[in-house]
């Protein structure tokens, strides 16, 4: 599975030219209306925490540290909620509606991915 694209300005999603709704990850068709004309857009780099947990056991093939945070971040400017890794692994330090921002995170194998962390 490929890591979703991130630009210097943020995550790259799609916006339907027919209905105007955004989606992530980008796709060649709109998940909302089925339209097949979608433009690439850079999504907001700030949002609010909507749900969260800590991953305590490493998934198969993962060599990084555990626990790590995992959750759902709402991007109000884009009308989306994205499932994402979180930079904060301790769920007691997170709260509903907490402001978060996009960050780059280096994985143990040298790849760079993205995560949201408290501002």
PDB file of N, CA and C in Angstrom:
ATOM      1  N   UNK A   1       0.838  -1.166   0.000  1.00  0.00           N
ATOM      2  CA  UNK A   1       0.000   0.000   0.000  1.00  0.00           C
ATOM      3  C   UNK A   1       0.893   1.242   0.000  1.00  0.00           C
ATOM      4  N   UNK A   2       0.625   2.172  -0.889  1.00  0.00           N
ATOM      5  CA  UNK A   2       1.410   3.389  -1.006  1.00  0.00           C
ATOM      6  C   UNK A   2       1.016   4.380   0.083  1.00  0.00           C
ATOM      7  N   UNK A   3       1.994   5.143   0.519  1.00  0.00           N
ATOM      8  CA  UNK A   3       1.725   6.201   1.480  1.00  0.00           C
ATOM      9  C   UNK A   3       1.097   7.358   0.717  1.00  0.00           C
ATOM     10  N   UNK A   4      -0.047   7.893   1.186  1.00  0.00           N
ATOM     11  CA  UNK A   4      -0.685   9.011   0.480  1.00  0.00           C
ATOM     12  C   UNK A   4       0.278  10.174   0.291  1.00  0.00           C
ATOM     13  N   UNK A   5       0.093  10.873  -0.802  1.00  0.00           N
ATOM     14  CA  UNK A   5       0.981  11.964  -1.178  1.00  0.00           C
ATOM     15  C   UNK A   5       0.841  13.144  -0.233  1.00  0.00           C
ATOM     16  N   UNK A   6       1.999  13.705   0.099  1.00  0.00           N
ATOM     17  CA  UNK A   6       2.041  14.927   0.904  1.00  0.00           C
ATOM     18  C   UNK A   6       2.928  15.911   0.160  1.00  0.00           C
ATOM     19  N   UNK A   7       2.483  17.142   0.048  1.00  0.00           N
ATOM     20  CA  UNK A   7       3.281  18.179  -0.585  1.00  0.00           C
ATOM     21  C   UNK A   7       3.877  19.048   0.513  1.00  0.00           C
ATOM     22  N   UNK A   8       4.647  20.047   0.115  1.00  0.00           N
ATOM     23  CA  UNK A   8       5.203  20.976   1.105  1.00  0.00           C
ATOM     24  C   UNK A   8       4.102  21.743   1.830  1.00  0.00           C
ATOM     25  N   UNK A   9       2.923  21.830   1.208  1.00  0.00           N
ATOM     26  CA  UNK A   9       1.825  22.580   1.801  1.00  0.00           C
ATOM     27  C   UNK A   9       0.827  21.704   2.564  1.00  0.00           C
ATOM     28  N   UNK A  10       0.852  20.395   2.406  1.00  0.00           N
ATOM     29  CA  UNK A  10      -0.082  19.535   3.117  1.00  0.00           C
ATOM     30  C   UNK A  10      -0.409  18.271   2.353  1.00  0.00           C
ATOM     31  N   UNK A  11      -1.413  17.545   2.822  1.00  0.00           N
ATOM     32  CA  UNK A  11      -1.856  16.323   2.163  1.00  0.00           C
ATOM     33  C   UNK A  11      -2.540  16.657   0.849  1.00  0.00           C
ATOM     34  N   UNK A  12      -2.370  15.795  -0.130  1.00  0.00           N
ATOM     35  CA  UNK A  12      -3.017  15.989  -1.422  1.00  0.00           C
ATOM     36  C   UNK A  12      -4.275  15.128  -1.456  1.00  0.00           C
ATOM     37  N   UNK A  13      -5.407  15.785  -1.656  1.00  0.00           N
ATOM     38  CA  UNK A  13      -6.691  15.107  -1.775  1.00  0.00           C
ATOM     39  C   UNK A  13      -7.297  15.405  -3.129  1.00  0.00           C
ATOM     40  N   UNK A  14      -8.574  15.123  -3.260  1.00  0.00           N
ATOM     41  CA  UNK A  14      -9.282  15.403  -4.499  1.00  0.00           C
ATOM     42  C   UNK A  14     -10.495  16.267  -4.234  1.00  0.00           C
ATOM     43  N   UNK A  15     -10.900  17.055  -5.233  1.00  0.00           N
ATOM     44  CA  UNK A  15     -12.129  17.854  -5.132  1.00  0.00           C
ATOM     45  C   UNK A  15     -12.911  17.639  -6.420  1.00  0.00           C
ATOM     46  N   UNK A  16     -14.155  17.226  -6.273  1.00  0.00           N
ATOM     47  CA  UNK A  16     -15.036  16.947  -7.396  1.00  0.00           C
ATOM     48  C   UNK A  16     -15.446  18.247  -8.082  1.00  0.00           C
ATOM     49  N   UNK A  17     -15.331  18.285  -9.407  1.00  0.00           N
ATOM     50  CA  UNK A  17     -15.742  19.486 -10.131  1.00  0.00           C
ATOM     51  C   UNK A  17     -17.267  19.571 -10.246  1.00  0.00           C
ATOM     52  N   UNK A  18     -17.966  18.448 -10.091  1.00  0.00           N
ATOM     53  CA  UNK A  18     -19.432  18.453 -10.195  1.00  0.00           C
ATOM     54  C   UNK A  18     -20.098  18.915  -8.904  1.00  0.00           C
ATOM     55  N   UNK A  19     -19.737  18.315  -7.760  1.00  0.00           N
ATOM     56  CA  UNK A  19     -20.422  18.648  -6.506  1.00  0.00           C
ATOM     57  C   UNK A  19     -19.584  19.528  -5.578  1.00  0.00           C
ATOM     58  N   UNK A  20     -18.287  19.669  -5.859  1.00  0.00           N
ATOM     59  CA  UNK A  20     -17.431  20.540  -5.063  1.00  0.00           C
ATOM     60  C   UNK A  20     -16.932  19.952  -3.760  1.00  0.00           C
ATOM     61  N   UNK A  21     -17.258  18.683  -3.470  1.00  0.00           N
ATOM     62  CA  UNK A  21     -16.823  18.084  -2.202  1.00  0.00           C
ATOM     63  C   UNK A  21     -15.416  17.504  -2.324  1.00  0.00           C
ATOM     64  N   UNK A  22     -14.715  17.552  -1.222  1.00  0.00           N
ATOM     65  CA  UNK A  22     -13.353  17.022  -1.165  1.00  0.00           C
ATOM     66  C   UNK A  22     -13.367  15.595  -0.650  1.00  0.00           C
ATOM     67  N   UNK A  23     -12.296  14.869  -0.964  1.00  0.00           N
ATOM     68  CA  UNK A  23     -12.127  13.527  -0.434  1.00  0.00           C
ATOM     69  C   UNK A  23     -10.641  13.236  -0.251  1.00  0.00           C
ATOM     70  N   UNK A  24     -10.376  12.269   0.614  1.00  0.00           N
ATOM     71  CA  UNK A  24      -9.016  11.821   0.885  1.00  0.00           C
ATOM     72  C   UNK A  24      -9.062  10.354   1.261  1.00  0.00           C
ATOM     73  N   UNK A  25      -8.168   9.559   0.704  1.00  0.00           N
ATOM     74  CA  UNK A  25      -7.123   9.898  -0.246  1.00  0.00           C
ATOM     75  C   UNK A  25      -7.701  10.230  -1.619  1.00  0.00           C
ATOM     76  N   UNK A  26      -6.880  10.824  -2.494  1.00  0.00           N
ATOM     77  CA  UNK A  26      -7.380  11.190  -3.812  1.00  0.00           C
ATOM     78  C   UNK A  26      -7.792   9.960  -4.615  1.00  0.00           C
ATOM     79  N   UNK A  27      -8.795  10.139  -5.444  1.00  0.00           N
ATOM     80  CA  UNK A  27      -9.276   9.066  -6.317  1.00  0.00           C
ATOM     81  C   UNK A  27      -9.703   9.697  -7.639  1.00  0.00           C
ATOM     82  N   UNK A  28      -9.861   8.889  -8.666  1.00  0.00           N
ATOM     83  CA  UNK A  28     -10.246   9.363  -9.983  1.00  0.00           C
ATOM     84  C   UNK A  28     -11.728   9.620 -10.135  1.00  0.00           C
ATOM     85  N   UNK A  29     -12.497   9.363  -9.092  1.00  0.00           N
ATOM     86  CA  UNK A  29     -13.948   9.584  -9.118  1.00  0.00           C
ATOM     87  C   UNK A  29     -14.373  10.096  -7.748  1.00  0.00           C
ATOM     88  N   UNK A  30     -15.511  10.729  -7.694  1.00  0.00           N
ATOM     89  CA  UNK A  30     -16.013  11.311  -6.453  1.00  0.00           C
ATOM     90  C   UNK A  30     -16.796  10.275  -5.653  1.00  0.00           C
ATOM     91  N   UNK A  31     -16.418  10.076  -4.420  1.00  0.00           N
ATOM     92  CA  UNK A  31     -17.123   9.125  -3.554  1.00  0.00           C
ATOM     93  C   UNK A  31     -18.478   9.638  -3.127  1.00  0.00           C
ATOM     94  N   UNK A  32     -18.731  10.941  -3.283  1.00  0.00           N
ATOM     95  CA  UNK A  32     -19.992  11.521  -2.847  1.00  0.00           C
ATOM     96  C   UNK A  32     -21.060  11.467  -3.931  1.00  0.00           C
ATOM     97  N   UNK A  33     -20.704  11.839  -5.178  1.00  0.00           N
ATOM     98  CA  UNK A  33     -21.710  11.907  -6.243  1.00  0.00           C
ATOM     99  C   UNK A  33     -21.412  10.994  -7.423  1.00  0.00           C
ATOM    100  N   UNK A  34     -20.233  10.370  -7.443  1.00  0.00           N
ATOM    101  CA  UNK A  34     -19.866   9.479  -8.537  1.00  0.00           C
ATOM    102  C   UNK A  34     -19.279  10.193  -9.738  1.00  0.00           C
ATOM    103  N   UNK A  35     -19.137  11.512  -9.659  1.00  0.00           N
ATOM    104  CA  UNK A  35     -18.557  12.269 -10.764  1.00  0.00           C
ATOM    105  C   UNK A  35     -17.158  11.792 -11.091  1.00  0.00           C
ATOM    106  N   UNK A  36     -16.776  11.899 -12.365  1.00  0.00           N
ATOM    107  CA  UNK A  36     -15.463  11.395 -12.766  1.00  0.00           C
ATOM    108  C   UNK A  36     -14.472  12.503 -13.120  1.00  0.00           C
ATOM    109  N   UNK A  37     -14.789  13.741 -12.775  1.00  0.00           N
ATOM    110  CA  UNK A  37     -13.841  14.835 -12.958  1.00  0.00           C
ATOM    111  C   UNK A  37     -13.434  15.350 -11.585  1.00  0.00           C
ATOM    112  N   UNK A  38     -12.202  15.024 -11.216  1.00  0.00           N
ATOM    113  CA  UNK A  38     -11.694  15.360  -9.886  1.00  0.00           C
ATOM    114  C   UNK A  38     -10.373  16.092 -10.040  1.00  0.00           C
ATOM    115  N   UNK A  39     -10.246  17.220  -9.356  1.00  0.00           N
ATOM    116  CA  UNK A  39      -9.002  17.984  -9.346  1.00  0.00           C
ATOM    117  C   UNK A  39      -8.220  17.665  -8.089  1.00  0.00           C
ATOM    118  N   UNK A  40      -6.891  17.654  -8.197  1.00  0.00           N
ATOM    119  CA  UNK A  40      -6.038  17.494  -7.021  1.00  0.00           C
ATOM    120  C   UNK A  40      -6.038  18.803  -6.247  1.00  0.00           C
ATOM    121  N   UNK A  41      -6.157  18.701  -4.925  1.00  0.00           N
ATOM    122  CA  UNK A  41      -6.140  19.877  -4.052  1.00  0.00           C
ATOM    123  C   UNK A  41      -5.276  19.594  -2.832  1.00  0.00           C
ATOM    124  N   UNK A  42      -4.690  20.642  -2.295  1.00  0.00           N
ATOM    125  CA  UNK A  42      -3.956  20.522  -1.038  1.00  0.00           C
ATOM    126  C   UNK A  42      -4.928  20.778   0.095  1.00  0.00           C
ATOM    127  N   UNK A  43      -4.992  19.836   1.015  1.00  0.00           N
ATOM    128  CA  UNK A  43      -5.926  19.934   2.136  1.00  0.00           C
ATOM    129  C   UNK A  43      -5.331  20.775   3.265  1.00  0.00           C
ATOM    130  N   UNK A  44      -6.177  21.201   4.157  1.00  0.00           N
ATOM    131  CA  UNK A  44      -5.781  22.002   5.304  1.00  0.00           C
ATOM    132  C   UNK A  44      -4.757  21.253   6.158  1.00  0.00           C
ATOM    133  N   UNK A  45      -3.853  21.983   6.763  1.00  0.00           N
ATOM    134  CA  UNK A  45      -2.848  21.376   7.637  1.00  0.00           C
ATOM    135  C   UNK A  45      -3.236  21.460   9.107  1.00  0.00           C
ATOM    136  N   UNK A  46      -4.392  22.050   9.394  1.00  0.00           N
ATOM    137  CA  UNK A  46      -4.851  22.147  10.771  1.00  0.00           C
ATOM    138  C   UNK A  46      -6.262  21.576  10.886  1.00  0.00           C
ATOM    139  N   UNK A  47      -6.539  21.024  12.043  1.00  0.00           N
ATOM    140  CA  UNK A  47      -7.865  20.455  12.274  1.00  0.00           C
ATOM    141  C   UNK A  47      -8.106  20.279  13.753  1.00  0.00           C
ATOM    142  N   UNK A  48      -9.112  19.460  14.062  1.00  0.00           N
ATOM    143  CA  UNK A  48      -9.442  19.170  15.449  1.00  0.00           C
ATOM    144  C   UNK A  48      -9.545  17.660  15.642  1.00  0.00           C
ATOM    145  N   UNK A  49      -9.149  17.224  16.799  1.00  0.00           N
ATOM    146  CA  UNK A  49      -9.186  15.804  17.121  1.00  0.00           C
ATOM    147  C   UNK A  49     -10.621  15.366  17.363  1.00  0.00           C
ATOM    148  N   UNK A  50     -11.023  14.305  16.687  1.00  0.00           N
ATOM    149  CA  UNK A  50     -12.395  13.823  16.754  1.00  0.00           C
ATOM    150  C   UNK A  50     -12.484  12.484  17.495  1.00  0.00           C
ATOM    151  N   UNK A  51     -11.476  11.632  17.357  1.00  0.00           N
ATOM    152  CA  UNK A  51     -11.420  10.332  18.052  1.00  0.00           C
ATOM    153  C   UNK A  51      -9.953   9.912  18.122  1.00  0.00           C
ATOM    154  N   UNK A  52      -9.587   9.093  19.118  1.00  0.00           N
ATOM    155  CA  UNK A  52      -8.192   8.707  19.271  1.00  0.00           C
ATOM    156  C   UNK A  52      -8.057   7.461  20.119  1.00  0.00           C
ATOM    157  N   UNK A  53      -6.911   6.814  19.961  1.00  0.00           N
ATOM    158  CA  UNK A  53      -6.543   5.643  20.748  1.00  0.00           C
ATOM    159  C   UNK A  53      -5.032   5.508  20.689  1.00  0.00           C
ATOM    160  N   UNK A  54      -4.515   4.525  21.394  1.00  0.00           N
ATOM    161  CA  UNK A  54      -3.093   4.201  21.321  1.00  0.00           C
ATOM    162  C   UNK A  54      -2.965   2.780  20.798  1.00  0.00           C
ATOM    163  N   UNK A  55      -2.089   2.589  19.838  1.00  0.00           N
ATOM    164  CA  UNK A  55      -1.789   1.261  19.319  1.00  0.00           C
ATOM    165  C   UNK A  55      -0.702   0.679  20.218  1.00  0.00           C
ATOM    166  N   UNK A  56      -1.036  -0.404  20.917  1.00  0.00           N
ATOM    167  CA  UNK A  56      -0.136  -0.994  21.909  1.00  0.00           C
ATOM    168  C   UNK A  56       0.721  -2.134  21.367  1.00  0.00           C
ATOM    169  N   UNK A  57       0.235  -2.801  20.331  1.00  0.00           N
ATOM    170  CA  UNK A  57       0.964  -3.931  19.749  1.00  0.00           C
ATOM    171  C   UNK A  57       1.300  -3.595  18.301  1.00  0.00           C
ATOM    172  N   UNK A  58       2.529  -3.823  17.872  1.00  0.00           N
ATOM    173  CA  UNK A  58       2.912  -3.464  16.508  1.00  0.00           C
ATOM    174  C   UNK A  58       2.194  -4.332  15.472  1.00  0.00           C
ATOM    175  N   UNK A  59       1.708  -3.712  14.394  1.00  0.00           N
ATOM    176  CA  UNK A  59       1.106  -4.504  13.325  1.00  0.00           C
ATOM    177  C   UNK A  59       2.185  -5.324  12.608  1.00  0.00           C
ATOM    178  N   UNK A  60       1.798  -6.371  11.903  1.00  0.00           N
ATOM    179  CA  UNK A  60       2.787  -7.200  11.197  1.00  0.00           C
ATOM    180  C   UNK A  60       3.678  -6.360  10.277  1.00  0.00           C
ATOM    181  N   UNK A  61       4.989  -6.573  10.380  1.00  0.00           N
ATOM    182  CA  UNK A  61       5.935  -5.884   9.528  1.00  0.00           C
ATOM    183  C   UNK A  61       6.367  -4.516  10.023  1.00  0.00           C
ATOM    184  N   UNK A  62       5.774  -4.037  11.113  1.00  0.00           N
ATOM    185  CA  UNK A  62       6.122  -2.719  11.644  1.00  0.00           C
ATOM    186  C   UNK A  62       7.239  -2.866  12.658  1.00  0.00           C
ATOM    187  N   UNK A  63       8.338  -2.107  12.452  1.00  0.00           N
ATOM    188  CA  UNK A  63       9.491  -2.185  13.340  1.00  0.00           C
ATOM    189  C   UNK A  63       9.653  -0.959  14.225  1.00  0.00           C
ATOM    190  N   UNK A  64       8.672  -0.066  14.197  1.00  0.00           N
ATOM    191  CA  UNK A  64       8.776   1.177  14.963  1.00  0.00           C
ATOM    192  C   UNK A  64       8.368   1.014  16.413  1.00  0.00           C
ATOM    193  N   UNK A  65       8.398   2.136  17.101  1.00  0.00           N
ATOM    194  CA  UNK A  65       8.063   2.151  18.522  1.00  0.00           C
ATOM    195  C   UNK A  65       6.566   2.012  18.745  1.00  0.00           C
ATOM    196  N   UNK A  66       6.203   1.354  19.821  1.00  0.00           N
ATOM    197  CA  UNK A  66       4.836   1.321  20.309  1.00  0.00           C
ATOM    198  C   UNK A  66       4.898   1.697  21.790  1.00  0.00           C
ATOM    199  N   UNK A  67       3.901   2.327  22.336  1.00  0.00           N
ATOM    200  CA  UNK A  67       2.651   2.662  21.671  1.00  0.00           C
ATOM    201  C   UNK A  67       2.822   3.866  20.743  1.00  0.00           C
ATOM    202  N   UNK A  68       1.870   4.002  19.810  1.00  0.00           N
ATOM    203  CA  UNK A  68       1.789   5.214  19.017  1.00  0.00           C
ATOM    204  C   UNK A  68       0.323   5.606  18.890  1.00  0.00           C
ATOM    205  N   UNK A  69       0.110   6.880  18.696  1.00  0.00           N
ATOM    206  CA  UNK A  69      -1.253   7.399  18.617  1.00  0.00           C
ATOM    207  C   UNK A  69      -1.867   7.165  17.250  1.00  0.00           C
ATOM    208  N   UNK A  70      -3.172   6.965  17.251  1.00  0.00           N
ATOM    209  CA  UNK A  70      -3.926   6.734  16.023  1.00  0.00           C
ATOM    210  C   UNK A  70      -5.305   7.330  16.239  1.00  0.00           C
ATOM    211  N   UNK A  71      -5.847   8.007  15.232  1.00  0.00           N
ATOM    212  CA  UNK A  71      -7.138   8.621  15.455  1.00  0.00           C
ATOM    213  C   UNK A  71      -7.791   9.179  14.215  1.00  0.00           C
ATOM    214  N   UNK A  72      -8.790  10.001  14.449  1.00  0.00           N
ATOM    215  CA  UNK A  72      -9.545  10.658  13.390  1.00  0.00           C
ATOM    216  C   UNK A  72      -9.445  12.161  13.631  1.00  0.00           C
ATOM    217  N   UNK A  73      -9.042  12.882  12.592  1.00  0.00           N
ATOM    218  CA  UNK A  73      -8.913  14.332  12.657  1.00  0.00           C
ATOM    219  C   UNK A  73      -9.914  14.955  11.692  1.00  0.00           C
ATOM    220  N   UNK A  74     -10.665  15.914  12.191  1.00  0.00           N
ATOM    221  CA  UNK A  74     -11.610  16.638  11.358  1.00  0.00           C
ATOM    222  C   UNK A  74     -10.901  17.850  10.751  1.00  0.00           C
ATOM    223  N   UNK A  75     -11.041  17.994   9.433  1.00  0.00           N
ATOM    224  CA  UNK A  75     -10.509  19.146   8.712  1.00  0.00           C
ATOM    225  C   UNK A  75     -11.703  19.996   8.293  1.00  0.00           C
ATOM    226  N   UNK A  76     -12.175  20.889   9.167  1.00  0.00           N
ATOM    227  CA  UNK A  76     -13.400  21.648   8.886  1.00  0.00           C
ATOM    228  C   UNK A  76     -13.340  22.444   7.582  1.00  0.00           C
ATOM    229  N   UNK A  77     -12.165  22.984   7.249  1.00  0.00           N
ATOM    230  CA  UNK A  77     -12.046  23.783   6.027  1.00  0.00           C
ATOM    231  C   UNK A  77     -12.306  22.952   4.774  1.00  0.00           C
ATOM    232  N   UNK A  78     -12.106  21.623   4.880  1.00  0.00           N
ATOM    233  CA  UNK A  78     -12.275  20.739   3.735  1.00  0.00           C
ATOM    234  C   UNK A  78     -13.527  19.869   3.830  1.00  0.00           C
ATOM    235  N   UNK A  79     -14.237  19.937   4.959  1.00  0.00           N
ATOM    236  CA  UNK A  79     -15.428  19.117   5.139  1.00  0.00           C
ATOM    237  C   UNK A  79     -15.116  17.635   5.230  1.00  0.00           C
ATOM    238  N   UNK A  80     -13.965  17.297   5.823  1.00  0.00           N
ATOM    239  CA  UNK A  80     -13.514  15.902   5.883  1.00  0.00           C
ATOM    240  C   UNK A  80     -13.087  15.496   7.282  1.00  0.00           C
ATOM    241  N   UNK A  81     -13.111  14.196   7.496  1.00  0.00           N
ATOM    242  CA  UNK A  81     -12.438  13.576   8.643  1.00  0.00           C
ATOM    243  C   UNK A  81     -11.477  12.555   8.057  1.00  0.00           C
ATOM    244  N   UNK A  82     -10.229  12.579   8.524  1.00  0.00           N
ATOM    245  CA  UNK A  82      -9.227  11.646   8.016  1.00  0.00           C
ATOM    246  C   UNK A  82      -8.737  10.742   9.145  1.00  0.00           C
ATOM    247  N   UNK A  83      -8.548   9.483   8.818  1.00  0.00           N
ATOM    248  CA  UNK A  83      -7.956   8.521   9.745  1.00  0.00           C
ATOM    249  C   UNK A  83      -6.450   8.706   9.628  1.00  0.00           C
ATOM    250  N   UNK A  84      -5.782   8.858  10.758  1.00  0.00           N
ATOM    251  CA  UNK A  84      -4.381   9.254  10.723  1.00  0.00           C
ATOM    252  C   UNK A  84      -3.596   8.745  11.918  1.00  0.00           C
ATOM    253  N   UNK A  85      -2.326   8.686  11.731  1.00  0.00           N
ATOM    254  CA  UNK A  85      -1.418   8.477  12.843  1.00  0.00           C
ATOM    255  C   UNK A  85      -1.351   9.790  13.610  1.00  0.00           C
ATOM    256  N   UNK A  86      -1.165   9.698  14.938  1.00  0.00           N
ATOM    257  CA  UNK A  86      -1.020  10.876  15.790  1.00  0.00           C
ATOM    258  C   UNK A  86       0.381  10.890  16.382  1.00  0.00           C
ATOM    259  N   UNK A  87       0.949  12.068  16.580  1.00  0.00           N
ATOM    260  CA  UNK A  87       2.295  12.148  17.147  1.00  0.00           C
ATOM    261  C   UNK A  87       2.306  11.925  18.649  1.00  0.00           C
ATOM    262  N   UNK A  88       1.166  12.061  19.292  1.00  0.00           N
ATOM    263  CA  UNK A  88       1.069  11.872  20.753  1.00  0.00           C
ATOM    264  C   UNK A  88       0.603  10.452  21.051  1.00  0.00           C
ATOM    265  N   UNK A  89       1.441   9.609  21.687  1.00  0.00           N
ATOM    266  CA  UNK A  89       1.047   8.227  21.963  1.00  0.00           C
ATOM    267  C   UNK A  89       0.209   8.043  23.227  1.00  0.00           C
ATOM    268  N   UNK A  90       0.166   9.044  24.100  1.00  0.00           N
ATOM    269  CA  UNK A  90      -0.545   8.917  25.367  1.00  0.00           C
ATOM    270  C   UNK A  90      -1.970   9.467  25.230  1.00  0.00           C
ATOM    271  N   UNK A  91      -2.990   8.589  25.200  1.00  0.00           N
ATOM    272  CA  UNK A  91      -4.364   9.061  25.007  1.00  0.00           C
ATOM    273  C   UNK A  91      -4.863   9.997  26.104  1.00  0.00           C
ATOM    274  N   UNK A  92      -4.262   9.957  27.287  1.00  0.00           N
ATOM    275  CA  UNK A  92      -4.708  10.842  28.366  1.00  0.00           C
ATOM    276  C   UNK A  92      -4.282  12.290  28.123  1.00  0.00           C
ATOM    277  N   UNK A  93      -3.381  12.507  27.178  1.00  0.00           N
ATOM    278  CA  UNK A  93      -2.921  13.862  26.852  1.00  0.00           C
ATOM    279  C   UNK A  93      -3.674  14.454  25.667  1.00  0.00           C
ATOM    280  N   UNK A  94      -4.713  13.744  25.202  1.00  0.00           N
ATOM    281  CA  UNK A  94      -5.515  14.188  24.064  1.00  0.00           C
ATOM    282  C   UNK A  94      -6.943  14.427  24.510  1.00  0.00           C
ATOM    283  N   UNK A  95      -7.656  15.297  23.792  1.00  0.00           N
ATOM    284  CA  UNK A  95      -9.035  15.586  24.162  1.00  0.00           C
ATOM    285  C   UNK A  95      -9.870  15.917  22.932  1.00  0.00           C
ATOM    286  N   UNK A  96     -11.161  15.681  23.040  1.00  0.00           N
ATOM    287  CA  UNK A  96     -12.099  15.960  21.962  1.00  0.00           C
ATOM    288  C   UNK A  96     -12.051  17.435  21.577  1.00  0.00           C
ATOM    289  N   UNK A  97     -11.901  17.696  20.278  1.00  0.00           N
ATOM    290  CA  UNK A  97     -11.856  19.059  19.790  1.00  0.00           C
ATOM    291  C   UNK A  97     -10.502  19.742  19.916  1.00  0.00           C
ATOM    292  N   UNK A  98      -9.503  19.014  20.393  1.00  0.00           N
ATOM    293  CA  UNK A  98      -8.173  19.584  20.563  1.00  0.00           C
ATOM    294  C   UNK A  98      -7.600  20.001  19.208  1.00  0.00           C
ATOM    295  N   UNK A  99      -7.027  21.203  19.103  1.00  0.00           N
ATOM    296  CA  UNK A  99      -6.411  21.619  17.839  1.00  0.00           C
ATOM    297  C   UNK A  99      -5.182  20.761  17.528  1.00  0.00           C
ATOM    298  N   UNK A 100      -5.062  20.354  16.281  1.00  0.00           N
ATOM    299  CA  UNK A 100      -3.920  19.558  15.824  1.00  0.00           C
ATOM    300  C   UNK A 100      -3.426  20.118  14.497  1.00  0.00           C
ATOM    301  N   UNK A 101      -2.166  19.783  14.173  1.00  0.00           N
ATOM    302  CA  UNK A 101      -1.590  20.224  12.907  1.00  0.00           C
ATOM    303  C   UNK A 101      -0.809  19.088  12.266  1.00  0.00           C
ATOM    304  N   UNK A 102      -0.690  19.155  10.955  1.00  0.00           N
ATOM    305  CA  UNK A 102       0.013  18.145  10.173  1.00  0.00           C
ATOM    306  C   UNK A 102       1.510  18.262  10.376  1.00  0.00           C
ATOM    307  N   UNK A 103       2.150  17.095  10.508  1.00  0.00           N
ATOM    308  CA  UNK A 103       3.604  17.038  10.668  1.00  0.00           C
ATOM    309  C   UNK A 103       4.161  15.890   9.851  1.00  0.00           C
ATOM    310  N   UNK A 104       5.412  16.016   9.440  1.00  0.00           N
ATOM    311  CA  UNK A 104       6.121  14.914   8.788  1.00  0.00           C
ATOM    312  C   UNK A 104       6.746  14.044   9.872  1.00  0.00           C
ATOM    313  N   UNK A 105       6.717  12.735   9.655  1.00  0.00           N
ATOM    314  CA  UNK A 105       7.267  11.782  10.614  1.00  0.00           C
ATOM    315  C   UNK A 105       8.136  10.795   9.862  1.00  0.00           C
ATOM    316  N   UNK A 106       9.356  10.589  10.344  1.00  0.00           N
ATOM    317  CA  UNK A 106      10.230   9.611   9.714  1.00  0.00           C
ATOM    318  C   UNK A 106      10.019   8.246  10.368  1.00  0.00           C
ATOM    319  N   UNK A 107       9.824   7.228   9.536  1.00  0.00           N
ATOM    320  CA  UNK A 107       9.640   5.863  10.010  1.00  0.00           C
ATOM    321  C   UNK A 107      10.990   5.176  10.160  1.00  0.00           C
ATOM    322  N   UNK A 108      11.056   4.064  10.913  1.00  0.00           N
ATOM    323  CA  UNK A 108      12.337   3.382  11.132  1.00  0.00           C
ATOM    324  C   UNK A 108      13.033   2.944   9.842  1.00  0.00           C
ATOM    325  N   UNK A 109      12.268   2.669   8.778  1.00  0.00           N
ATOM    326  CA  UNK A 109      12.891   2.217   7.531  1.00  0.00           C
ATOM    327  C   UNK A 109      13.356   3.380   6.655  1.00  0.00           C
ATOM    328  N   UNK A 110      13.257   4.615   7.170  1.00  0.00           N
ATOM    329  CA  UNK A 110      13.724   5.776   6.440  1.00  0.00           C
ATOM    330  C   UNK A 110      12.668   6.479   5.611  1.00  0.00           C
ATOM    331  N   UNK A 111      11.489   5.869   5.452  1.00  0.00           N
ATOM    332  CA  UNK A 111      10.410   6.535   4.729  1.00  0.00           C
ATOM    333  C   UNK A 111       9.862   7.675   5.577  1.00  0.00           C
ATOM    334  N   UNK A 112       9.336   8.678   4.902  1.00  0.00           N
ATOM    335  CA  UNK A 112       8.682   9.779   5.591  1.00  0.00           C
ATOM    336  C   UNK A 112       7.192   9.657   5.363  1.00  0.00           C
ATOM    337  N   UNK A 113       6.435   9.759   6.432  1.00  0.00           N
ATOM    338  CA  UNK A 113       4.984   9.729   6.358  1.00  0.00           C
ATOM    339  C   UNK A 113       4.454  10.969   7.058  1.00  0.00           C
ATOM    340  N   UNK A 114       3.201  10.975   7.374  1.00  0.00           N
ATOM    341  CA  UNK A 114       2.573  12.135   7.993  1.00  0.00           C
ATOM    342  C   UNK A 114       1.783  11.704   9.198  1.00  0.00           C
ATOM    343  N   UNK A 115       1.567  12.662  10.081  1.00  0.00           N
ATOM    344  CA  UNK A 115       0.770  12.450  11.289  1.00  0.00           C
ATOM    345  C   UNK A 115       0.271  13.812  11.745  1.00  0.00           C
ATOM    346  N   UNK A 116      -0.740  13.799  12.565  1.00  0.00           N
ATOM    347  CA  UNK A 116      -1.218  15.039  13.170  1.00  0.00           C
ATOM    348  C   UNK A 116      -0.805  15.050  14.624  1.00  0.00           C
ATOM    349  N   UNK A 117      -0.434  16.224  15.115  1.00  0.00           N
ATOM    350  CA  UNK A 117      -0.042  16.358  16.509  1.00  0.00           C
ATOM    351  C   UNK A 117      -0.632  17.614  17.120  1.00  0.00           C
ATOM    352  N   UNK A 118      -0.748  17.628  18.451  1.00  0.00           N
ATOM    353  CA  UNK A 118      -1.278  18.798  19.147  1.00  0.00           C
ATOM    354  C   UNK A 118      -0.483  20.058  18.799  1.00  0.00           C
ATOM    355  N   UNK A 119      -1.198  21.170  18.715  1.00  0.00           N
ATOM    356  CA  UNK A 119      -0.527  22.443  18.404  1.00  0.00           C
ATOM    357  C   UNK A 119       0.067  23.060  19.653  1.00  0.00           C
TER     358      UNK A 119
END
